[in-house]
Amino acid sequence: MEEAGNFHIMDPLEFPAISSWKKNFL
C-alpha cells in the first residue's frame, strides 16, 4: 500500500517491535 500510494508509515527504526513481529509472523 505504501509503495502504491507513495506514502510511508512503517520505519523499522521507529517500530522495531512490530518489525520483529512481522518477521516472526511471515
mmCIF file of all heavy atoms, coordinates in Angstrom:
data_MODEL
# 
_entry.id   MODEL 
# 
loop_
_atom_site.group_PDB 
_atom_site.id 
_atom_site.type_symbol 
_atom_site.label_atom_id 
_atom_site.label_alt_id 
_atom_site.label_comp_id 
_atom_site.label_asym_id 
_atom_site.label_entity_id 
_atom_site.label_seq_id 
_atom_site.pdbx_PDB_ins_code 
_atom_site.Cartn_x 
_atom_site.Cartn_y 
_atom_site.Cartn_z 
_atom_site.occupancy 
_atom_site.B_iso_or_equiv 
_atom_site.pdbx_formal_charge 
_atom_site.auth_seq_id 
_atom_site.auth_comp_id 
_atom_site.auth_asym_id 
_atom_site.auth_atom_id 
_atom_site.pdbx_PDB_model_num 
ATOM 1   N N   . MET A 1 1  ? 0.836  -1.204  0.000  1.00 0.00 ? 1  MET A N   1 
ATOM 2   C CA  . MET A 1 1  ? 0.000  0.000   0.000  1.00 0.00 ? 1  MET A CA  1 
ATOM 3   C C   . MET A 1 1  ? 0.868  1.251   0.000  1.00 0.00 ? 1  MET A C   1 
ATOM 4   O O   . MET A 1 1  ? 0.589  2.214   -0.731 1.00 0.00 ? 1  MET A O   1 
ATOM 5   C CB  . MET A 1 1  ? -0.919 0.012   1.223  1.00 0.00 ? 1  MET A CB  1 
ATOM 6   C CG  . MET A 1 1  ? -1.975 -1.072  1.255  1.00 0.00 ? 1  MET A CG  1 
ATOM 7   S SD  . MET A 1 1  ? -2.920 -1.056  2.810  1.00 0.00 ? 1  MET A SD  1 
ATOM 8   C CE  . MET A 1 1  ? -3.916 0.434   2.607  1.00 0.00 ? 1  MET A CE  1 
ATOM 9   N N   . GLU A 1 2  ? 1.926  1.240   0.821  1.00 0.00 ? 2  GLU A N   1 
ATOM 10  C CA  . GLU A 1 2  ? 2.824  2.391   0.897  1.00 0.00 ? 2  GLU A CA  1 
ATOM 11  C C   . GLU A 1 2  ? 3.485  2.662   -0.453 1.00 0.00 ? 2  GLU A C   1 
ATOM 12  O O   . GLU A 1 2  ? 3.587  3.815   -0.888 1.00 0.00 ? 2  GLU A O   1 
ATOM 13  C CB  . GLU A 1 2  ? 3.889  2.140   1.965  1.00 0.00 ? 2  GLU A CB  1 
ATOM 14  C CG  . GLU A 1 2  ? 3.348  2.145   3.390  1.00 0.00 ? 2  GLU A CG  1 
ATOM 15  C CD  . GLU A 1 2  ? 4.417  1.818   4.412  1.00 0.00 ? 2  GLU A CD  1 
ATOM 16  O OE1 . GLU A 1 2  ? 5.132  0.804   4.221  1.00 0.00 ? 2  GLU A OE1 1 
ATOM 17  O OE2 . GLU A 1 2  ? 4.551  2.557   5.398  1.00 0.00 ? 2  GLU A OE2 1 
ATOM 18  N N   . GLU A 1 3  ? 3.934  1.589   -1.102 1.00 0.00 ? 3  GLU A N   1 
ATOM 19  C CA  . GLU A 1 3  ? 4.584  1.764   -2.404 1.00 0.00 ? 3  GLU A CA  1 
ATOM 20  C C   . GLU A 1 3  ? 3.591  2.246   -3.456 1.00 0.00 ? 3  GLU A C   1 
ATOM 21  O O   . GLU A 1 3  ? 3.899  3.156   -4.234 1.00 0.00 ? 3  GLU A O   1 
ATOM 22  C CB  . GLU A 1 3  ? 5.230  0.451   -2.852 1.00 0.00 ? 3  GLU A CB  1 
ATOM 23  C CG  . GLU A 1 3  ? 5.975  0.578   -4.180 1.00 0.00 ? 3  GLU A CG  1 
ATOM 24  C CD  . GLU A 1 3  ? 6.691  -0.684  -4.599 1.00 0.00 ? 3  GLU A CD  1 
ATOM 25  O OE1 . GLU A 1 3  ? 6.791  -1.622  -3.775 1.00 0.00 ? 3  GLU A OE1 1 
ATOM 26  O OE2 . GLU A 1 3  ? 7.145  -0.746  -5.760 1.00 0.00 ? 3  GLU A OE2 1 
ATOM 27  N N   . ALA A 1 4  ? 2.416  1.655   -3.482 1.00 0.00 ? 4  ALA A N   1 
ATOM 28  C CA  . ALA A 1 4  ? 1.417  2.034   -4.486 1.00 0.00 ? 4  ALA A CA  1 
ATOM 29  C C   . ALA A 1 4  ? 0.982  3.482   -4.325 1.00 0.00 ? 4  ALA A C   1 
ATOM 30  O O   . ALA A 1 4  ? 0.790  4.195   -5.321 1.00 0.00 ? 4  ALA A O   1 
ATOM 31  C CB  . ALA A 1 4  ? 0.210  1.106   -4.387 1.00 0.00 ? 4  ALA A CB  1 
ATOM 32  N N   . GLY A 1 5  ? 0.831  3.916   -3.076 1.00 0.00 ? 5  GLY A N   1 
ATOM 33  C CA  . GLY A 1 5  ? 0.314  5.259   -2.814 1.00 0.00 ? 5  GLY A CA  1 
ATOM 34  C C   . GLY A 1 5  ? 1.364  6.299   -2.524 1.00 0.00 ? 5  GLY A C   1 
ATOM 35  O O   . GLY A 1 5  ? 1.032  7.464   -2.262 1.00 0.00 ? 5  GLY A O   1 
ATOM 36  N N   . ASN A 1 6  ? 2.642  5.885   -2.538 1.00 0.00 ? 6  ASN A N   1 
ATOM 37  C CA  . ASN A 1 6  ? 3.748  6.819   -2.315 1.00 0.00 ? 6  ASN A CA  1 
ATOM 38  C C   . ASN A 1 6  ? 3.610  7.564   -0.980 1.00 0.00 ? 6  ASN A C   1 
ATOM 39  O O   . ASN A 1 6  ? 3.600  8.790   -0.917 1.00 0.00 ? 6  ASN A O   1 
ATOM 40  C CB  . ASN A 1 6  ? 3.871  7.816   -3.470 1.00 0.00 ? 6  ASN A CB  1 
ATOM 41  C CG  . ASN A 1 6  ? 5.169  8.614   -3.424 1.00 0.00 ? 6  ASN A CG  1 
ATOM 42  O OD1 . ASN A 1 6  ? 6.179  8.132   -2.905 1.00 0.00 ? 6  ASN A OD1 1 
ATOM 43  N ND2 . ASN A 1 6  ? 5.149  9.828   -3.953 1.00 0.00 ? 6  ASN A ND2 1 
ATOM 44  N N   . PHE A 1 7  ? 3.456  6.787   0.092  1.00 0.00 ? 7  PHE A N   1 
ATOM 45  C CA  . PHE A 1 7  ? 3.459  7.345   1.446  1.00 0.00 ? 7  PHE A CA  1 
ATOM 46  C C   . PHE A 1 7  ? 4.222  6.371   2.335  1.00 0.00 ? 7  PHE A C   1 
ATOM 47  O O   . PHE A 1 7  ? 4.547  5.259   1.919  1.00 0.00 ? 7  PHE A O   1 
ATOM 48  C CB  . PHE A 1 7  ? 2.034  7.581   1.966  1.00 0.00 ? 7  PHE A CB  1 
ATOM 49  C CG  . PHE A 1 7  ? 1.254  6.311   2.219  1.00 0.00 ? 7  PHE A CG  1 
ATOM 50  C CD1 . PHE A 1 7  ? 1.122  5.801   3.511  1.00 0.00 ? 7  PHE A CD1 1 
ATOM 51  C CD2 . PHE A 1 7  ? 0.646  5.623   1.178  1.00 0.00 ? 7  PHE A CD2 1 
ATOM 52  C CE1 . PHE A 1 7  ? 0.402  4.637   3.743  1.00 0.00 ? 7  PHE A CE1 1 
ATOM 53  C CE2 . PHE A 1 7  ? -0.080 4.465   1.407  1.00 0.00 ? 7  PHE A CE2 1 
ATOM 54  C CZ  . PHE A 1 7  ? -0.198 3.970   2.693  1.00 0.00 ? 7  PHE A CZ  1 
ATOM 55  N N   . HIS A 1 8  ? 4.528  6.811   3.551  1.00 0.00 ? 8  HIS A N   1 
ATOM 56  C CA  . HIS A 1 8  ? 5.367  5.967   4.406  1.00 0.00 ? 8  HIS A CA  1 
ATOM 57  C C   . HIS A 1 8  ? 4.884  6.037   5.854  1.00 0.00 ? 8  HIS A C   1 
ATOM 58  O O   . HIS A 1 8  ? 4.695  7.115   6.402  1.00 0.00 ? 8  HIS A O   1 
ATOM 59  C CB  . HIS A 1 8  ? 6.827  6.418   4.331  1.00 0.00 ? 8  HIS A CB  1 
ATOM 60  C CG  . HIS A 1 8  ? 7.789  5.443   4.925  1.00 0.00 ? 8  HIS A CG  1 
ATOM 61  N ND1 . HIS A 1 8  ? 7.865  4.124   4.529  1.00 0.00 ? 8  HIS A ND1 1 
ATOM 62  C CD2 . HIS A 1 8  ? 8.719  5.590   5.895  1.00 0.00 ? 8  HIS A CD2 1 
ATOM 63  C CE1 . HIS A 1 8  ? 8.802  3.500   5.227  1.00 0.00 ? 8  HIS A CE1 1 
ATOM 64  N NE2 . HIS A 1 8  ? 9.323  4.368   6.068  1.00 0.00 ? 8  HIS A NE2 1 
ATOM 65  N N   . ILE A 1 9  ? 4.678  4.867   6.422  1.00 0.00 ? 9  ILE A N   1 
ATOM 66  C CA  . ILE A 1 9  ? 4.277  4.751   7.826  1.00 0.00 ? 9  ILE A CA  1 
ATOM 67  C C   . ILE A 1 9  ? 5.310  3.959   8.615  1.00 0.00 ? 9  ILE A C   1 
ATOM 68  O O   . ILE A 1 9  ? 5.776  4.380   9.658  1.00 0.00 ? 9  ILE A O   1 
ATOM 69  C CB  . ILE A 1 9  ? 2.897  4.052   7.942  1.00 0.00 ? 9  ILE A CB  1 
ATOM 70  C CG1 . ILE A 1 9  ? 1.800  4.902   7.311  1.00 0.00 ? 9  ILE A CG1 1 
ATOM 71  C CG2 . ILE A 1 9  ? 2.557  3.779   9.415  1.00 0.00 ? 9  ILE A CG2 1 
ATOM 72  C CD1 . ILE A 1 9  ? 0.462  4.192   7.200  1.00 0.00 ? 9  ILE A CD1 1 
ATOM 73  N N   . MET A 1 10 ? 5.665  2.799   8.079  1.00 0.00 ? 10 MET A N   1 
ATOM 74  C CA  . MET A 1 10 ? 6.465  1.835   8.817  1.00 0.00 ? 10 MET A CA  1 
ATOM 75  C C   . MET A 1 10 ? 7.962  2.026   8.594  1.00 0.00 ? 10 MET A C   1 
ATOM 76  O O   . MET A 1 10 ? 8.497  1.662   7.554  1.00 0.00 ? 10 MET A O   1 
ATOM 77  C CB  . MET A 1 10 ? 6.075  0.410   8.400  1.00 0.00 ? 10 MET A CB  1 
ATOM 78  C CG  . MET A 1 10 ? 4.930  -0.169  9.194  1.00 0.00 ? 10 MET A CG  1 
ATOM 79  S SD  . MET A 1 10 ? 5.343  -0.435  10.931 1.00 0.00 ? 10 MET A SD  1 
ATOM 80  C CE  . MET A 1 10 ? 6.677  -1.589  10.760 1.00 0.00 ? 10 MET A CE  1 
ATOM 81  N N   . ASP A 1 11 ? 8.634  2.619   9.582  1.00 0.00 ? 11 ASP A N   1 
ATOM 82  C CA  . ASP A 1 11 ? 10.093 2.697   9.592  1.00 0.00 ? 11 ASP A CA  1 
ATOM 83  C C   . ASP A 1 11 ? 10.588 1.683   10.623 1.00 0.00 ? 11 ASP A C   1 
ATOM 84  O O   . ASP A 1 11 ? 10.227 1.772   11.801 1.00 0.00 ? 11 ASP A O   1 
ATOM 85  C CB  . ASP A 1 11 ? 10.543 4.107   9.981  1.00 0.00 ? 11 ASP A CB  1 
ATOM 86  C CG  . ASP A 1 11 ? 12.051 4.283   9.914  1.00 0.00 ? 11 ASP A CG  1 
ATOM 87  O OD1 . ASP A 1 11 ? 12.777 3.274   10.055 1.00 0.00 ? 11 ASP A OD1 1 
ATOM 88  O OD2 . ASP A 1 11 ? 12.508 5.423   9.731  1.00 0.00 ? 11 ASP A OD2 1 
ATOM 89  N N   . PRO A 1 12 ? 11.408 0.694   10.212 1.00 0.00 ? 12 PRO A N   1 
ATOM 90  C CA  . PRO A 1 12 ? 11.877 -0.326  11.158 1.00 0.00 ? 12 PRO A CA  1 
ATOM 91  C C   . PRO A 1 12 ? 12.595 0.252   12.378 1.00 0.00 ? 12 PRO A C   1 
ATOM 92  O O   . PRO A 1 12 ? 12.541 -0.333  13.462 1.00 0.00 ? 12 PRO A O   1 
ATOM 93  C CB  . PRO A 1 12 ? 12.833 -1.175  10.314 1.00 0.00 ? 12 PRO A CB  1 
ATOM 94  C CG  . PRO A 1 12 ? 12.377 -0.976  8.907  1.00 0.00 ? 12 PRO A CG  1 
ATOM 95  C CD  . PRO A 1 12 ? 11.869 0.439   8.849  1.00 0.00 ? 12 PRO A CD  1 
ATOM 96  N N   . LEU A 1 13 ? 13.235 1.400   12.202 1.00 0.00 ? 13 LEU A N   1 
ATOM 97  C CA  . LEU A 1 13 ? 13.934 2.022   13.329 1.00 0.00 ? 13 LEU A CA  1 
ATOM 98  C C   . LEU A 1 13 ? 12.945 2.622   14.329 1.00 0.00 ? 13 LEU A C   1 
ATOM 99  O O   . LEU A 1 13 ? 13.214 2.668   15.525 1.00 0.00 ? 13 LEU A O   1 
ATOM 100 C CB  . LEU A 1 13 ? 14.890 3.104   12.824 1.00 0.00 ? 13 LEU A CB  1 
ATOM 101 C CG  . LEU A 1 13 ? 16.056 2.628   11.952 1.00 0.00 ? 13 LEU A CG  1 
ATOM 102 C CD1 . LEU A 1 13 ? 16.895 3.805   11.482 1.00 0.00 ? 13 LEU A CD1 1 
ATOM 103 C CD2 . LEU A 1 13 ? 16.921 1.625   12.717 1.00 0.00 ? 13 LEU A CD2 1 
ATOM 104 N N   . GLU A 1 14 ? 11.828 3.077   13.847 1.00 0.00 ? 14 GLU A N   1 
ATOM 105 C CA  . GLU A 1 14 ? 10.791 3.647   14.715 1.00 0.00 ? 14 GLU A CA  1 
ATOM 106 C C   . GLU A 1 14 ? 9.885  2.578   15.302 1.00 0.00 ? 14 GLU A C   1 
ATOM 107 O O   . GLU A 1 14 ? 9.306  2.765   16.375 1.00 0.00 ? 14 GLU A O   1 
ATOM 108 C CB  . GLU A 1 14 ? 9.949  4.660   13.937 1.00 0.00 ? 14 GLU A CB  1 
ATOM 109 C CG  . GLU A 1 14 ? 10.684 5.917   13.528 1.00 0.00 ? 14 GLU A CG  1 
ATOM 110 C CD  . GLU A 1 14 ? 9.758  6.904   12.843 1.00 0.00 ? 14 GLU A CD  1 
ATOM 111 O OE1 . GLU A 1 14 ? 8.866  7.447   13.530 1.00 0.00 ? 14 GLU A OE1 1 
ATOM 112 O OE2 . GLU A 1 14 ? 9.906  7.112   11.627 1.00 0.00 ? 14 GLU A OE2 1 
ATOM 113 N N   . PHE A 1 15 ? 9.762  1.467   14.589 1.00 0.00 ? 15 PHE A N   1 
ATOM 114 C CA  . PHE A 1 15 ? 8.864  0.392   15.017 1.00 0.00 ? 15 PHE A CA  1 
ATOM 115 C C   . PHE A 1 15 ? 9.600  -0.945  15.064 1.00 0.00 ? 15 PHE A C   1 
ATOM 116 O O   . PHE A 1 15 ? 9.264  -1.880  14.331 1.00 0.00 ? 15 PHE A O   1 
ATOM 117 C CB  . PHE A 1 15 ? 7.664  0.301   14.071 1.00 0.00 ? 15 PHE A CB  1 
ATOM 118 C CG  . PHE A 1 15 ? 6.816  1.540   14.028 1.00 0.00 ? 15 PHE A CG  1 
ATOM 119 C CD1 . PHE A 1 15 ? 6.926  2.439   12.978 1.00 0.00 ? 15 PHE A CD1 1 
ATOM 120 C CD2 . PHE A 1 15 ? 5.907  1.810   15.044 1.00 0.00 ? 15 PHE A CD2 1 
ATOM 121 C CE1 . PHE A 1 15 ? 6.146  3.580   12.939 1.00 0.00 ? 15 PHE A CE1 1 
ATOM 122 C CE2 . PHE A 1 15 ? 5.120  2.946   15.019 1.00 0.00 ? 15 PHE A CE2 1 
ATOM 123 C CZ  . PHE A 1 15 ? 5.233  3.842   13.962 1.00 0.00 ? 15 PHE A CZ  1 
ATOM 124 N N   . PRO A 1 16 ? 10.611 -1.056  15.935 1.00 0.00 ? 16 PRO A N   1 
ATOM 125 C CA  . PRO A 1 16 ? 11.399 -2.302  15.973 1.00 0.00 ? 16 PRO A CA  1 
ATOM 126 C C   . PRO A 1 16 ? 10.603 -3.513  16.441 1.00 0.00 ? 16 PRO A C   1 
ATOM 127 O O   . PRO A 1 16 ? 10.829 -4.623  15.956 1.00 0.00 ? 16 PRO A O   1 
ATOM 128 C CB  . PRO A 1 16 ? 12.539 -1.974  16.953 1.00 0.00 ? 16 PRO A CB  1 
ATOM 129 C CG  . PRO A 1 16 ? 12.004 -0.855  17.804 1.00 0.00 ? 16 PRO A CG  1 
ATOM 130 C CD  . PRO A 1 16 ? 11.133 -0.057  16.892 1.00 0.00 ? 16 PRO A CD  1 
ATOM 131 N N   . ALA A 1 17 ? 9.663  -3.311  17.360 1.00 0.00 ? 17 ALA A N   1 
ATOM 132 C CA  . ALA A 1 17 ? 8.884  -4.448  17.870 1.00 0.00 ? 17 ALA A CA  1 
ATOM 133 C C   . ALA A 1 17 ? 7.930  -4.977  16.809 1.00 0.00 ? 17 ALA A C   1 
ATOM 134 O O   . ALA A 1 17 ? 7.800  -6.193  16.623 1.00 0.00 ? 17 ALA A O   1 
ATOM 135 C CB  . ALA A 1 17 ? 8.115  -4.038  19.126 1.00 0.00 ? 17 ALA A CB  1 
ATOM 136 N N   . ILE A 1 18 ? 7.271  -4.071  16.093 1.00 0.00 ? 18 ILE A N   1 
ATOM 137 C CA  . ILE A 1 18 ? 6.390  -4.500  15.009 1.00 0.00 ? 18 ILE A CA  1 
ATOM 138 C C   . ILE A 1 18 ? 7.199  -5.162  13.903 1.00 0.00 ? 18 ILE A C   1 
ATOM 139 O O   . ILE A 1 18 ? 6.778  -6.174  13.328 1.00 0.00 ? 18 ILE A O   1 
ATOM 140 C CB  . ILE A 1 18 ? 5.576  -3.318  14.448 1.00 0.00 ? 18 ILE A CB  1 
ATOM 141 C CG1 . ILE A 1 18 ? 4.600  -2.788  15.503 1.00 0.00 ? 18 ILE A CG1 1 
ATOM 142 C CG2 . ILE A 1 18 ? 4.805  -3.726  13.190 1.00 0.00 ? 18 ILE A CG2 1 
ATOM 143 C CD1 . ILE A 1 18 ? 3.816  -1.562  15.073 1.00 0.00 ? 18 ILE A CD1 1 
ATOM 144 N N   . SER A 1 19 ? 8.382  -4.612  13.610 1.00 0.00 ? 19 SER A N   1 
ATOM 145 C CA  . SER A 1 19 ? 9.234  -5.190  12.571 1.00 0.00 ? 19 SER A CA  1 
ATOM 146 C C   . SER A 1 19 ? 9.656  -6.609  12.934 1.00 0.00 ? 19 SER A C   1 
ATOM 147 O O   . SER A 1 19 ? 9.675  -7.499  12.069 1.00 0.00 ? 19 SER A O   1 
ATOM 148 C CB  . SER A 1 19 ? 10.465 -4.307  12.348 1.00 0.00 ? 19 SER A CB  1 
ATOM 149 O OG  . SER A 1 19 ? 10.085 -3.025  11.890 1.00 0.00 ? 19 SER A OG  1 
ATOM 150 N N   . SER A 1 20 ? 9.972  -6.826  14.193 1.00 0.00 ? 20 SER A N   1 
ATOM 151 C CA  . SER A 1 20 ? 10.333 -8.172  14.649 1.00 0.00 ? 20 SER A CA  1 
ATOM 152 C C   . SER A 1 20 ? 9.132  -9.105  14.554 1.00 0.00 ? 20 SER A C   1 
ATOM 153 O O   . SER A 1 20 ? 9.255  -10.258 14.107 1.00 0.00 ? 20 SER A O   1 
ATOM 154 C CB  . SER A 1 20 ? 10.845 -8.104  16.086 1.00 0.00 ? 20 SER A CB  1 
ATOM 155 O OG  . SER A 1 20 ? 11.148 -9.396  16.575 1.00 0.00 ? 20 SER A OG  1 
ATOM 156 N N   . TRP A 1 21 ? 7.970  -8.606  14.962 1.00 0.00 ? 21 TRP A N   1 
ATOM 157 C CA  . TRP A 1 21 ? 6.743  -9.409  14.859 1.00 0.00 ? 21 TRP A CA  1 
ATOM 158 C C   . TRP A 1 21 ? 6.453  -9.762  13.407 1.00 0.00 ? 21 TRP A C   1 
ATOM 159 O O   . TRP A 1 21 ? 6.075  -10.902 13.100 1.00 0.00 ? 21 TRP A O   1 
ATOM 160 C CB  . TRP A 1 21 ? 5.564  -8.637  15.453 1.00 0.00 ? 21 TRP A CB  1 
ATOM 161 C CG  . TRP A 1 21 ? 4.239  -9.216  15.066 1.00 0.00 ? 21 TRP A CG  1 
ATOM 162 C CD1 . TRP A 1 21 ? 3.615  -10.310 15.614 1.00 0.00 ? 21 TRP A CD1 1 
ATOM 163 C CD2 . TRP A 1 21 ? 3.379  -8.770  13.996 1.00 0.00 ? 21 TRP A CD2 1 
ATOM 164 N NE1 . TRP A 1 21 ? 2.421  -10.560 14.965 1.00 0.00 ? 21 TRP A NE1 1 
ATOM 165 C CE2 . TRP A 1 21 ? 2.257  -9.635  13.978 1.00 0.00 ? 21 TRP A CE2 1 
ATOM 166 C CE3 . TRP A 1 21 ? 3.450  -7.726  13.074 1.00 0.00 ? 21 TRP A CE3 1 
ATOM 167 C CZ2 . TRP A 1 21 ? 1.222  -9.475  13.065 1.00 0.00 ? 21 TRP A CZ2 1 
ATOM 168 C CZ3 . TRP A 1 21 ? 2.418  -7.578  12.158 1.00 0.00 ? 21 TRP A CZ3 1 
ATOM 169 C CH2 . TRP A 1 21 ? 1.320  -8.434  12.173 1.00 0.00 ? 21 TRP A CH2 1 
ATOM 170 N N   . LYS A 1 22 ? 6.616  -8.798  12.494 1.00 0.00 ? 22 LYS A N   1 
ATOM 171 C CA  . LYS A 1 22 ? 6.368  -9.060  11.073 1.00 0.00 ? 22 LYS A CA  1 
ATOM 172 C C   . LYS A 1 22 ? 7.194  -10.238 10.577 1.00 0.00 ? 22 LYS A C   1 
ATOM 173 O O   . LYS A 1 22 ? 6.683  -11.113 9.873  1.00 0.00 ? 22 LYS A O   1 
ATOM 174 C CB  . LYS A 1 22 ? 6.708  -7.819  10.233 1.00 0.00 ? 22 LYS A CB  1 
ATOM 175 C CG  . LYS A 1 22 ? 5.666  -6.722  10.263 1.00 0.00 ? 22 LYS A CG  1 
ATOM 176 C CD  . LYS A 1 22 ? 6.166  -5.475  9.541  1.00 0.00 ? 22 LYS A CD  1 
ATOM 177 C CE  . LYS A 1 22 ? 6.548  -5.746  8.115  1.00 0.00 ? 22 LYS A CE  1 
ATOM 178 N NZ  . LYS A 1 22 ? 6.993  -4.519  7.404  1.00 0.00 ? 22 LYS A NZ  1 
ATOM 179 N N   . LYS A 1 23 ? 8.464  -10.259 10.957 1.00 0.00 ? 23 LYS A N   1 
ATOM 180 C CA  . LYS A 1 23 ? 9.339  -11.350 10.520 1.00 0.00 ? 23 LYS A CA  1 
ATOM 181 C C   . LYS A 1 23 ? 8.878  -12.679 11.114 1.00 0.00 ? 23 LYS A C   1 
ATOM 182 O O   . LYS A 1 23 ? 8.788  -13.687 10.406 1.00 0.00 ? 23 LYS A O   1 
ATOM 183 C CB  . LYS A 1 23 ? 10.784 -11.063 10.917 1.00 0.00 ? 23 LYS A CB  1 
ATOM 184 C CG  . LYS A 1 23 ? 11.768 -12.120 10.419 1.00 0.00 ? 23 LYS A CG  1 
ATOM 185 C CD  . LYS A 1 23 ? 13.190 -11.781 10.796 1.00 0.00 ? 23 LYS A CD  1 
ATOM 186 C CE  . LYS A 1 23 ? 14.160 -12.783 10.163 1.00 0.00 ? 23 LYS A CE  1 
ATOM 187 N NZ  . LYS A 1 23 ? 13.828 -14.192 10.450 1.00 0.00 ? 23 LYS A NZ  1 
ATOM 188 N N   . ASN A 1 24 ? 8.580  -12.665 12.406 1.00 0.00 ? 24 ASN A N   1 
ATOM 189 C CA  . ASN A 1 24 ? 8.102  -13.897 13.055 1.00 0.00 ? 24 ASN A CA  1 
ATOM 190 C C   . ASN A 1 24 ? 6.824  -14.401 12.396 1.00 0.00 ? 24 ASN A C   1 
ATOM 191 O O   . ASN A 1 24 ? 6.646  -15.606 12.188 1.00 0.00 ? 24 ASN A O   1 
ATOM 192 C CB  . ASN A 1 24 ? 7.856  -13.649 14.545 1.00 0.00 ? 24 ASN A CB  1 
ATOM 193 C CG  . ASN A 1 24 ? 9.129  -13.404 15.320 1.00 0.00 ? 24 ASN A CG  1 
ATOM 194 O OD1 . ASN A 1 24 ? 10.201 -13.881 14.950 1.00 0.00 ? 24 ASN A OD1 1 
ATOM 195 N ND2 . ASN A 1 24 ? 9.024  -12.649 16.406 1.00 0.00 ? 24 ASN A ND2 1 
ATOM 196 N N   . PHE A 1 25 ? 5.948  -13.465 12.094 1.00 0.00 ? 25 PHE A N   1 
ATOM 197 C CA  . PHE A 1 25 ? 4.654  -13.830 11.511 1.00 0.00 ? 25 PHE A CA  1 
ATOM 198 C C   . PHE A 1 25 ? 4.830  -14.425 10.121 1.00 0.00 ? 25 PHE A C   1 
ATOM 199 O O   . PHE A 1 25 ? 4.306  -15.497 9.811  1.00 0.00 ? 25 PHE A O   1 
ATOM 200 C CB  . PHE A 1 25 ? 3.753  -12.591 11.463 1.00 0.00 ? 25 PHE A CB  1 
ATOM 201 C CG  . PHE A 1 25 ? 2.347  -12.867 11.010 1.00 0.00 ? 25 PHE A CG  1 
ATOM 202 C CD1 . PHE A 1 25 ? 1.431  -13.459 11.862 1.00 0.00 ? 25 PHE A CD1 1 
ATOM 203 C CD2 . PHE A 1 25 ? 1.937  -12.531 9.721  1.00 0.00 ? 25 PHE A CD2 1 
ATOM 204 C CE1 . PHE A 1 25 ? 0.123  -13.729 11.452 1.00 0.00 ? 25 PHE A CE1 1 
ATOM 205 C CE2 . PHE A 1 25 ? 0.643  -12.782 9.299  1.00 0.00 ? 25 PHE A CE2 1 
ATOM 206 C CZ  . PHE A 1 25 ? -0.264 -13.388 10.166 1.00 0.00 ? 25 PHE A CZ  1 
ATOM 207 N N   . LEU A 1 26 ? 5.592  -13.738 9.264  1.00 0.00 ? 26 LEU A N   1 
ATOM 208 C CA  . LEU A 1 26 ? 5.756  -14.183 7.887  1.00 0.00 ? 26 LEU A CA  1 
ATOM 209 C C   . LEU A 1 26 ? 6.616  -15.441 7.779  1.00 0.00 ? 26 LEU A C   1 
ATOM 210 O O   . LEU A 1 26 ? 6.562  -16.134 6.756  1.00 0.00 ? 26 LEU A O   1 
ATOM 211 C CB  . LEU A 1 26 ? 6.355  -13.058 7.039  1.00 0.00 ? 26 LEU A CB  1 
ATOM 212 C CG  . LEU A 1 26 ? 5.431  -11.865 6.792  1.00 0.00 ? 26 LEU A CG  1 
ATOM 213 C CD1 . LEU A 1 26 ? 6.184  -10.745 6.091  1.00 0.00 ? 26 LEU A CD1 1 
ATOM 214 C CD2 . LEU A 1 26 ? 4.215  -12.274 5.975  1.00 0.00 ? 26 LEU A CD2 1 
# 
